[in-house]
Amino acid sequence: MWRDDLGHPVELNGPARRVVSLVPSLTEAVARSAPGLLVGATDWCTHPAGLAVTRVRGTKNPERAAVSALAPDLVIANREENRKLDVDRLREAGLAVWVTVIESVPEAMASLRRLLTGPLGLDVPDWLAVAEQAWALPTPGPVSEPGPSPGPAGPARRVAVPIWRDPWMVVGARTFTGDVLTRLGLVNVFGAGPGRYPRVEAGEIRAAAPELVLLPDEPYPFTADDGPEEFPAHRVVLVSGRLLTWYGPSLATARAELLSAIG
């Protein structure tokens, strides 16, 4: 018997060979590691491109009857992405459900290893080994002051990461993305509050005085014409949301790509 990240028992007769994933990151992780295992995924599971499996609606409103009809050996979910109600109902329908808990980069690596090598019975995939090595590198130090005669390195740069507008929401405390920021040598200006994704006004973001505003293209699709105009006095960088929020194969290159983007 296996136990998922919440310690819930998951009974399987052997390695799962029919898998439904309700989490885009984990869909990509399974598809890249053993593409033949996936039989179902959500409409939001966009990677890898061209994934040909049955779609079972969204992460927050999966079509449970469609999931059951696929007769999966295992359904993969996440505590943050999916509702407890759906997990409970799928289990009541007799399905084995594996719930992941991921709020930091180390948790992501450990959770992915447990899932892939445990109930899926796979070897550690190359992309995961590369990701573990990449994120084991030292945290970048503060950037020295620019100029012909740079002085000593100053404090870490302060950053804000909006993830939605109307209403504005930002990355807060105890989140995977917040941990990514820390491991990039950045200080999240909203990282010390009680909320994980607090609602704020655009003026509150400006007033927090971030040196850098990162605007991802998901879940809200910020673009050059939608978002940066609210922060005319700040350095704004548009980035791939997948690099900031996905905990799958993108982790292998996310650190280097994000460091390159923020400069």
C-alpha atoms as a PDB file:
ATOM      1  CA  MET A   1       0.000   0.000   0.000  1.00  0.00           C
ATOM      2  CA  TRP A   2       1.229   3.489  -0.864  1.00  0.00           C
ATOM      3  CA  ARG A   3       0.497   6.749   0.953  1.00  0.00           C
ATOM      4  CA  ASP A   4       0.157  10.037  -0.890  1.00  0.00           C
ATOM      5  CA  ASP A   5       1.583  13.407   0.219  1.00  0.00           C
ATOM      6  CA  LEU A   6      -1.279  13.810   2.703  1.00  0.00           C
ATOM      7  CA  GLY A   7      -0.610  10.367   4.180  1.00  0.00           C
ATOM      8  CA  HIS A   8      -3.812   8.938   2.701  1.00  0.00           C
ATOM      9  CA  PRO A   9      -3.541   5.219   1.842  1.00  0.00           C
ATOM     10  CA  VAL A  10      -3.631   4.431  -1.870  1.00  0.00           C
ATOM     11  CA  GLU A  11      -4.160   0.756  -2.685  1.00  0.00           C
ATOM     12  CA  LEU A  12      -2.976  -0.575  -6.029  1.00  0.00           C
ATOM     13  CA  ASN A  13      -2.515  -4.125  -7.261  1.00  0.00           C
ATOM     14  CA  GLY A  14       0.688  -3.077  -9.027  1.00  0.00           C
ATOM     15  CA  PRO A  15       2.179  -0.069 -10.808  1.00  0.00           C
ATOM     16  CA  ALA A  16      -0.590   2.109 -12.263  1.00  0.00           C
ATOM     17  CA  ARG A  17      -0.959   1.651 -16.016  1.00  0.00           C
ATOM     18  CA  ARG A  18      -4.025   3.846 -16.609  1.00  0.00           C
ATOM     19  CA  VAL A  19      -3.683   7.337 -15.175  1.00  0.00           C
ATOM     20  CA  VAL A  20      -5.936  10.396 -15.176  1.00  0.00           C
ATOM     21  CA  SER A  21      -4.241  13.647 -14.172  1.00  0.00           C
ATOM     22  CA  LEU A  22      -6.198  16.626 -12.851  1.00  0.00           C
ATOM     23  CA  VAL A  23      -3.090  18.830 -12.594  1.00  0.00           C
ATOM     24  CA  PRO A  24      -1.398  20.403 -15.649  1.00  0.00           C
ATOM     25  CA  SER A  25       2.103  20.202 -14.148  1.00  0.00           C
ATOM     26  CA  LEU A  26       1.685  16.548 -13.249  1.00  0.00           C
ATOM     27  CA  THR A  27       0.124  15.741 -16.609  1.00  0.00           C
ATOM     28  CA  GLU A  28       3.291  16.983 -18.281  1.00  0.00           C
ATOM     29  CA  ALA A  29       5.468  15.139 -15.763  1.00  0.00           C
ATOM     30  CA  VAL A  30       3.774  11.799 -16.462  1.00  0.00           C
ATOM     31  CA  ALA A  31       3.550  12.372 -20.218  1.00  0.00           C
ATOM     32  CA  ARG A  32       7.253  13.176 -20.472  1.00  0.00           C
ATOM     33  CA  SER A  33       8.223  10.224 -18.273  1.00  0.00           C
ATOM     34  CA  ALA A  34       5.894   7.508 -19.622  1.00  0.00           C
ATOM     35  CA  PRO A  35       3.450   8.869 -22.223  1.00  0.00           C
ATOM     36  CA  GLY A  36       1.523   5.632 -22.556  1.00  0.00           C
ATOM     37  CA  LEU A  37       0.202   5.816 -19.002  1.00  0.00           C
ATOM     38  CA  LEU A  38      -2.089   8.807 -19.428  1.00  0.00           C
ATOM     39  CA  VAL A  39      -5.671   8.154 -20.498  1.00  0.00           C
ATOM     40  CA  GLY A  40      -7.248  11.412 -19.298  1.00  0.00           C
ATOM     41  CA  ALA A  41      -6.365  15.000 -18.391  1.00  0.00           C
ATOM     42  CA  THR A  42      -8.044  18.371 -17.868  1.00  0.00           C
ATOM     43  CA  ASP A  43      -8.753  20.963 -20.527  1.00  0.00           C
ATOM     44  CA  TRP A  44      -6.003  23.081 -18.901  1.00  0.00           C
ATOM     45  CA  CYS A  45      -3.345  20.433 -19.474  1.00  0.00           C
ATOM     46  CA  THR A  46      -1.595  22.140 -22.384  1.00  0.00           C
ATOM     47  CA  HIS A  47       1.792  20.393 -22.199  1.00  0.00           C
ATOM     48  CA  PRO A  48       3.165  18.485 -23.902  1.00  0.00           C
ATOM     49  CA  ALA A  49       1.687  19.878 -27.082  1.00  0.00           C
ATOM     50  CA  GLY A  50      -0.507  17.483 -29.007  1.00  0.00           C
ATOM     51  CA  LEU A  51      -1.328  15.298 -25.999  1.00  0.00           C
ATOM     52  CA  ALA A  52      -4.024  12.939 -27.283  1.00  0.00           C
ATOM     53  CA  VAL A  53      -6.034  11.836 -24.253  1.00  0.00           C
ATOM     54  CA  THR A  54      -9.646  12.181 -23.147  1.00  0.00           C
ATOM     55  CA  ARG A  55     -10.368  15.589 -21.615  1.00  0.00           C
ATOM     56  CA  VAL A  56     -12.346  15.664 -18.379  1.00  0.00           C
ATOM     57  CA  ARG A  57     -13.077  19.407 -18.057  1.00  0.00           C
ATOM     58  CA  GLY A  58     -11.245  21.686 -15.583  1.00  0.00           C
ATOM     59  CA  THR A  59      -9.134  21.396 -12.465  1.00  0.00           C
ATOM     60  CA  LYS A  60     -11.863  22.935 -10.285  1.00  0.00           C
ATOM     61  CA  ASN A  61     -14.809  21.226 -11.975  1.00  0.00           C
ATOM     62  CA  PRO A  62     -13.689  17.866 -13.369  1.00  0.00           C
ATOM     63  CA  GLU A  63     -16.355  15.731 -14.959  1.00  0.00           C
ATOM     64  CA  ARG A  64     -16.211  12.953 -12.411  1.00  0.00           C
ATOM     65  CA  ALA A  65     -18.387  10.573 -14.429  1.00  0.00           C
ATOM     66  CA  ALA A  66     -15.988  10.912 -17.355  1.00  0.00           C
ATOM     67  CA  VAL A  67     -13.037  10.195 -15.061  1.00  0.00           C
ATOM     68  CA  SER A  68     -14.727   7.044 -13.755  1.00  0.00           C
ATOM     69  CA  ALA A  69     -15.629   5.935 -17.273  1.00  0.00           C
ATOM     70  CA  LEU A  70     -11.938   5.851 -18.173  1.00  0.00           C
ATOM     71  CA  ALA A  71     -11.432   3.161 -15.491  1.00  0.00           C
ATOM     72  CA  PRO A  72      -8.082   4.581 -14.305  1.00  0.00           C
ATOM     73  CA  ASP A  73      -5.830   2.691 -11.941  1.00  0.00           C
ATOM     74  CA  LEU A  74      -4.867   6.061 -10.437  1.00  0.00           C
ATOM     75  CA  VAL A  75      -6.135   9.640 -10.458  1.00  0.00           C
ATOM     76  CA  ILE A  76      -3.539  12.322  -9.687  1.00  0.00           C
ATOM     77  CA  ALA A  77      -4.596  15.518  -7.905  1.00  0.00           C
ATOM     78  CA  ASN A  78      -3.089  18.391  -5.933  1.00  0.00           C
ATOM     79  CA  ARG A  79      -4.273  19.925  -2.676  1.00  0.00           C
ATOM     80  CA  GLU A  80      -4.146  23.484  -4.025  1.00  0.00           C
ATOM     81  CA  GLU A  81      -5.282  22.895  -7.604  1.00  0.00           C
ATOM     82  CA  ASN A  82      -8.188  20.540  -6.949  1.00  0.00           C
ATOM     83  CA  ARG A  83     -11.176  20.588  -4.614  1.00  0.00           C
ATOM     84  CA  LYS A  84     -11.351  18.182  -1.692  1.00  0.00           C
ATOM     85  CA  LEU A  85     -14.977  17.531  -2.671  1.00  0.00           C
ATOM     86  CA  ASP A  86     -13.930  16.121  -6.043  1.00  0.00           C
ATOM     87  CA  VAL A  87     -11.199  13.989  -4.482  1.00  0.00           C
ATOM     88  CA  ASP A  88     -13.678  12.609  -1.938  1.00  0.00           C
ATOM     89  CA  ARG A  89     -16.326  11.873  -4.566  1.00  0.00           C
ATOM     90  CA  LEU A  90     -13.843  10.073  -6.823  1.00  0.00           C
ATOM     91  CA  ARG A  91     -12.701   7.947  -3.899  1.00  0.00           C
ATOM     92  CA  GLU A  92     -16.322   7.183  -2.999  1.00  0.00           C
ATOM     93  CA  ALA A  93     -16.737   5.998  -6.588  1.00  0.00           C
ATOM     94  CA  GLY A  94     -14.030   3.424  -5.921  1.00  0.00           C
ATOM     95  CA  LEU A  95     -11.099   5.154  -7.601  1.00  0.00           C
ATOM     96  CA  ALA A  96      -7.594   5.390  -6.176  1.00  0.00           C
ATOM     97  CA  VAL A  97      -6.601   9.077  -5.888  1.00  0.00           C
ATOM     98  CA  TRP A  98      -3.095  10.336  -5.181  1.00  0.00           C
ATOM     99  CA  VAL A  99      -3.003  13.895  -3.780  1.00  0.00           C
ATOM    100  CA  THR A 100       0.215  15.874  -3.973  1.00  0.00           C
ATOM    101  CA  VAL A 101       1.196  18.769  -1.705  1.00  0.00           C
ATOM    102  CA  ILE A 102       3.685  21.186  -3.240  1.00  0.00           C
ATOM    103  CA  GLU A 103       4.508  24.576  -1.694  1.00  0.00           C
ATOM    104  CA  SER A 104       8.247  24.735  -2.356  1.00  0.00           C
ATOM    105  CA  VAL A 105      10.849  23.591  -4.855  1.00  0.00           C
ATOM    106  CA  PRO A 106      12.214  20.846  -2.539  1.00  0.00           C
ATOM    107  CA  GLU A 107       8.657  19.611  -1.946  1.00  0.00           C
ATOM    108  CA  ALA A 108       8.118  19.519  -5.702  1.00  0.00           C
ATOM    109  CA  MET A 109      11.225  17.408  -6.281  1.00  0.00           C
ATOM    110  CA  ALA A 110      10.401  15.002  -3.454  1.00  0.00           C
ATOM    111  CA  SER A 111       6.729  14.722  -4.436  1.00  0.00           C
ATOM    112  CA  LEU A 112       7.538  14.053  -8.092  1.00  0.00           C
ATOM    113  CA  ARG A 113      10.077  11.380  -7.144  1.00  0.00           C
ATOM    114  CA  ARG A 114       7.585   9.654  -4.841  1.00  0.00           C
ATOM    115  CA  LEU A 115       4.816   9.673  -7.444  1.00  0.00           C
ATOM    116  CA  LEU A 116       6.891   8.584 -10.421  1.00  0.00           C
ATOM    117  CA  THR A 117       8.991   5.909  -8.705  1.00  0.00           C
ATOM    118  CA  GLY A 118       6.247   4.777  -6.311  1.00  0.00           C
ATOM    119  CA  PRO A 119       2.733   4.087  -7.584  1.00  0.00           C
ATOM    120  CA  LEU A 120       3.777   4.585 -11.224  1.00  0.00           C
ATOM    121  CA  GLY A 121       6.761   2.244 -10.873  1.00  0.00           C
ATOM    122  CA  LEU A 122       9.100   4.305 -13.088  1.00  0.00           C
ATOM    123  CA  ASP A 123      12.796   5.056 -12.927  1.00  0.00           C
ATOM    124  CA  VAL A 124      13.787   8.638 -12.102  1.00  0.00           C
ATOM    125  CA  PRO A 125      13.402  10.463 -15.434  1.00  0.00           C
ATOM    126  CA  ASP A 126      16.314  12.435 -16.853  1.00  0.00           C
ATOM    127  CA  TRP A 127      14.423  15.744 -16.672  1.00  0.00           C
ATOM    128  CA  LEU A 128      13.871  15.337 -12.935  1.00  0.00           C
ATOM    129  CA  ALA A 129      17.534  14.557 -12.273  1.00  0.00           C
ATOM    130  CA  VAL A 130      18.524  17.659 -14.261  1.00  0.00           C
ATOM    131  CA  ALA A 131      15.997  19.784 -12.357  1.00  0.00           C
ATOM    132  CA  GLU A 132      17.280  18.579  -8.999  1.00  0.00           C
ATOM    133  CA  GLN A 133      20.824  19.525  -9.979  1.00  0.00           C
ATOM    134  CA  ALA A 134      19.777  22.937 -11.319  1.00  0.00           C
ATOM    135  CA  TRP A 135      17.911  23.974  -8.179  1.00  0.00           C
ATOM    136  CA  ALA A 136      20.649  22.640  -5.899  1.00  0.00           C
ATOM    137  CA  LEU A 137      22.941  25.440  -7.109  1.00  0.00           C
ATOM    138  CA  PRO A 138      23.606  28.276  -4.626  1.00  0.00           C
ATOM    139  CA  THR A 139      21.050  31.068  -4.461  1.00  0.00           C
ATOM    140  CA  PRO A 140      22.262  34.027  -6.537  1.00  0.00           C
ATOM    141  CA  GLY A 141      23.712  36.835  -4.447  1.00  0.00           C
ATOM    142  CA  PRO A 142      22.501  40.440  -4.472  1.00  0.00           C
ATOM    143  CA  VAL A 143      23.300  42.467  -7.548  1.00  0.00           C
ATOM    144  CA  SER A 144      26.094  45.038  -7.217  1.00  0.00           C
ATOM    145  CA  GLU A 145      25.305  48.677  -7.894  1.00  0.00           C
ATOM    146  CA  PRO A 146      25.773  49.530 -11.574  1.00  0.00           C
ATOM    147  CA  GLY A 147      28.369  52.011 -12.697  1.00  0.00           C
ATOM    148  CA  PRO A 148      32.023  52.210 -13.657  1.00  0.00           C
ATOM    149  CA  SER A 149      33.111  51.548 -10.068  1.00  0.00           C
ATOM    150  CA  PRO A 150      30.587  49.163  -8.546  1.00  0.00           C
ATOM    151  CA  GLY A 151      30.255  49.291  -4.815  1.00  0.00           C
ATOM    152  CA  PRO A 152      29.550  46.365  -2.521  1.00  0.00           C
ATOM    153  CA  ALA A 153      26.541  44.211  -3.269  1.00  0.00           C
ATOM    154  CA  GLY A 154      23.340  45.664  -1.912  1.00  0.00           C
ATOM    155  CA  PRO A 155      20.279  43.937  -0.484  1.00  0.00           C
ATOM    156  CA  ALA A 156      18.312  41.420  -2.501  1.00  0.00           C
ATOM    157  CA  ARG A 157      15.904  42.911  -5.010  1.00  0.00           C
ATOM    158  CA  ARG A 158      12.297  43.336  -3.953  1.00  0.00           C
ATOM    159  CA  VAL A 159       9.740  41.854  -6.321  1.00  0.00           C
ATOM    160  CA  ALA A 160       5.968  41.679  -6.739  1.00  0.00           C
ATOM    161  CA  VAL A 161       4.231  39.023  -8.832  1.00  0.00           C
ATOM    162  CA  PRO A 162       0.612  39.769  -9.762  1.00  0.00           C
ATOM    163  CA  ILE A 163      -1.263  36.703 -10.985  1.00  0.00           C
ATOM    164  CA  TRP A 164      -4.643  38.322 -11.709  1.00  0.00           C
ATOM    165  CA  ARG A 165      -6.274  41.685 -12.248  1.00  0.00           C
ATOM    166  CA  ASP A 166      -9.857  42.916 -11.694  1.00  0.00           C
ATOM    167  CA  PRO A 167      -9.431  42.087  -8.884  1.00  0.00           C
ATOM    168  CA  TRP A 168      -5.667  42.272  -8.553  1.00  0.00           C
ATOM    169  CA  MET A 169      -4.128  39.285  -6.808  1.00  0.00           C
ATOM    170  CA  VAL A 170      -0.471  38.675  -6.023  1.00  0.00           C
ATOM    171  CA  VAL A 171       1.739  35.788  -4.949  1.00  0.00           C
ATOM    172  CA  GLY A 172       1.872  35.758  -1.158  1.00  0.00           C
ATOM    173  CA  ALA A 173       3.205  33.474   1.562  1.00  0.00           C
ATOM    174  CA  ARG A 174       3.677  29.679   1.614  1.00  0.00           C
ATOM    175  CA  THR A 175       3.452  29.206  -2.146  1.00  0.00           C
ATOM    176  CA  PHE A 176       5.545  27.306  -4.648  1.00  0.00           C
ATOM    177  CA  THR A 177       6.065  30.472  -6.679  1.00  0.00           C
ATOM    178  CA  GLY A 178       7.133  32.378  -3.573  1.00  0.00           C
ATOM    179  CA  ASP A 179       9.775  29.752  -2.884  1.00  0.00           C
ATOM    180  CA  VAL A 180      10.963  29.981  -6.487  1.00  0.00           C
ATOM    181  CA  LEU A 181      11.426  33.730  -6.000  1.00  0.00           C
ATOM    182  CA  THR A 182      13.470  33.187  -2.849  1.00  0.00           C
ATOM    183  CA  ARG A 183      15.701  30.673  -4.619  1.00  0.00           C
ATOM    184  CA  LEU A 184      16.298  33.232  -7.359  1.00  0.00           C
ATOM    185  CA  GLY A 185      17.647  35.643  -4.748  1.00  0.00           C
ATOM    186  CA  LEU A 186      14.541  37.859  -4.712  1.00  0.00           C
ATOM    187  CA  VAL A 187      12.406  39.164  -1.844  1.00  0.00           C
ATOM    188  CA  ASN A 188       8.645  38.937  -2.353  1.00  0.00           C
ATOM    189  CA  VAL A 189       7.147  42.191  -1.017  1.00  0.00           C
ATOM    190  CA  PHE A 190       3.940  40.312  -0.201  1.00  0.00           C
ATOM    191  CA  GLY A 191       5.652  37.222   1.164  1.00  0.00           C
ATOM    192  CA  ALA A 192       5.369  38.042   4.847  1.00  0.00           C
ATOM    193  CA  GLY A 193       1.612  38.455   5.086  1.00  0.00           C
ATOM    194  CA  PRO A 194      -0.955  35.835   6.070  1.00  0.00           C
ATOM    195  CA  GLY A 195      -2.471  35.349   2.620  1.00  0.00           C
ATOM    196  CA  ARG A 196      -1.208  32.910   0.017  1.00  0.00           C
ATOM    197  CA  TYR A 197      -2.716  34.888  -2.876  1.00  0.00           C
ATOM    198  CA  PRO A 198      -3.957  38.144  -1.341  1.00  0.00           C
ATOM    199  CA  ARG A 199      -6.283  40.506  -3.170  1.00  0.00           C
ATOM    200  CA  VAL A 200      -4.813  43.988  -3.416  1.00  0.00           C
ATOM    201  CA  GLU A 201      -5.264  47.192  -5.354  1.00  0.00           C
ATOM    202  CA  ALA A 202      -2.767  48.152  -8.037  1.00  0.00           C
ATOM    203  CA  GLY A 203      -1.896  51.144  -5.866  1.00  0.00           C
ATOM    204  CA  GLU A 204      -0.940  48.820  -3.006  1.00  0.00           C
ATOM    205  CA  ILE A 205       1.475  47.011  -5.300  1.00  0.00           C
ATOM    206  CA  ARG A 206       3.085  50.320  -6.286  1.00  0.00           C
ATOM    207  CA  ALA A 207       3.175  51.447  -2.648  1.00  0.00           C
ATOM    208  CA  ALA A 208       5.024  48.285  -1.623  1.00  0.00           C
ATOM    209  CA  ALA A 209       7.934  49.690  -3.654  1.00  0.00           C
ATOM    210  CA  PRO A 210       9.094  46.605  -5.532  1.00  0.00           C
ATOM    211  CA  GLU A 211      12.165  47.125  -7.669  1.00  0.00           C
ATOM    212  CA  LEU A 212      10.822  44.551 -10.094  1.00  0.00           C
ATOM    213  CA  VAL A 213       7.307  43.549 -11.126  1.00  0.00           C
ATOM    214  CA  LEU A 214       7.037  40.145 -12.793  1.00  0.00           C
ATOM    215  CA  LEU A 215       3.941  39.675 -14.938  1.00  0.00           C
ATOM    216  CA  PRO A 216       3.348  36.032 -15.960  1.00  0.00           C
ATOM    217  CA  ASP A 217       1.175  35.009 -18.891  1.00  0.00           C
ATOM    218  CA  GLU A 218      -0.923  32.704 -16.688  1.00  0.00           C
ATOM    219  CA  PRO A 219      -3.224  32.284 -14.909  1.00  0.00           C
ATOM    220  CA  TYR A 220      -4.022  35.851 -16.031  1.00  0.00           C
ATOM    221  CA  PRO A 221      -2.614  36.473 -19.523  1.00  0.00           C
ATOM    222  CA  PHE A 222      -0.618  39.650 -18.894  1.00  0.00           C
ATOM    223  CA  THR A 223       0.833  41.143 -22.064  1.00  0.00           C
ATOM    224  CA  ALA A 224       2.852  44.202 -23.050  1.00  0.00           C
ATOM    225  CA  ASP A 225      -0.458  46.067 -23.504  1.00  0.00           C
ATOM    226  CA  ASP A 226      -2.234  44.689 -20.447  1.00  0.00           C
ATOM    227  CA  GLY A 227      -0.562  45.150 -17.073  1.00  0.00           C
ATOM    228  CA  PRO A 228       2.678  47.140 -17.411  1.00  0.00           C
ATOM    229  CA  GLU A 229       0.770  50.435 -17.753  1.00  0.00           C
ATOM    230  CA  GLU A 230      -0.137  50.176 -14.050  1.00  0.00           C
ATOM    231  CA  PHE A 231       3.533  50.316 -13.044  1.00  0.00           C
ATOM    232  CA  PRO A 232       5.143  53.133 -15.058  1.00  0.00           C
ATOM    233  CA  ALA A 233       7.792  53.844 -12.416  1.00  0.00           C
ATOM    234  CA  HIS A 234       8.833  50.223 -11.988  1.00  0.00           C
ATOM    235  CA  ARG A 235      10.856  47.769 -14.025  1.00  0.00           C
ATOM    236  CA  VAL A 236       8.344  45.300 -15.421  1.00  0.00           C
ATOM    237  CA  VAL A 237       9.328  41.938 -16.910  1.00  0.00           C
ATOM    238  CA  LEU A 238       6.888  39.698 -18.747  1.00  0.00           C
ATOM    239  CA  VAL A 239       7.652  36.036 -18.081  1.00  0.00           C
ATOM    240  CA  SER A 240       6.224  32.625 -18.823  1.00  0.00           C
ATOM    241  CA  GLY A 241       3.843  31.642 -16.059  1.00  0.00           C
ATOM    242  CA  ARG A 242       4.842  28.052 -16.611  1.00  0.00           C
ATOM    243  CA  LEU A 243       8.375  28.876 -15.413  1.00  0.00           C
ATOM    244  CA  LEU A 244       7.032  30.376 -12.185  1.00  0.00           C
ATOM    245  CA  THR A 245       4.171  28.079 -11.293  1.00  0.00           C
ATOM    246  CA  TRP A 246       4.613  24.658 -12.924  1.00  0.00           C
ATOM    247  CA  TYR A 247       6.385  21.886 -11.016  1.00  0.00           C
ATOM    248  CA  GLY A 248       7.189  19.411 -13.753  1.00  0.00           C
ATOM    249  CA  PRO A 249       9.697  19.109 -16.611  1.00  0.00           C
ATOM    250  CA  SER A 250       9.837  22.913 -16.902  1.00  0.00           C
ATOM    251  CA  LEU A 251      11.824  22.880 -13.635  1.00  0.00           C
ATOM    252  CA  ALA A 252      14.828  21.588 -15.553  1.00  0.00           C
ATOM    253  CA  THR A 253      15.304  24.933 -17.312  1.00  0.00           C
ATOM    254  CA  ALA A 254      13.143  27.344 -15.280  1.00  0.00           C
ATOM    255  CA  ARG A 255      15.930  28.556 -12.994  1.00  0.00           C
ATOM    256  CA  ALA A 256      18.290  29.519 -15.809  1.00  0.00           C
ATOM    257  CA  GLU A 257      15.507  31.036 -17.929  1.00  0.00           C
ATOM    258  CA  LEU A 258      14.106  33.121 -15.086  1.00  0.00           C
ATOM    259  CA  LEU A 259      17.544  34.393 -14.047  1.00  0.00           C
ATOM    260  CA  SER A 260      18.181  35.388 -17.645  1.00  0.00           C
ATOM    261  CA  ALA A 261      14.838  37.176 -17.881  1.00  0.00           C
ATOM    262  CA  ILE A 262      15.209  39.226 -14.702  1.00  0.00           C
ATOM    263  CA  GLY A 263      18.867  40.090 -15.429  1.00  0.00           C
END
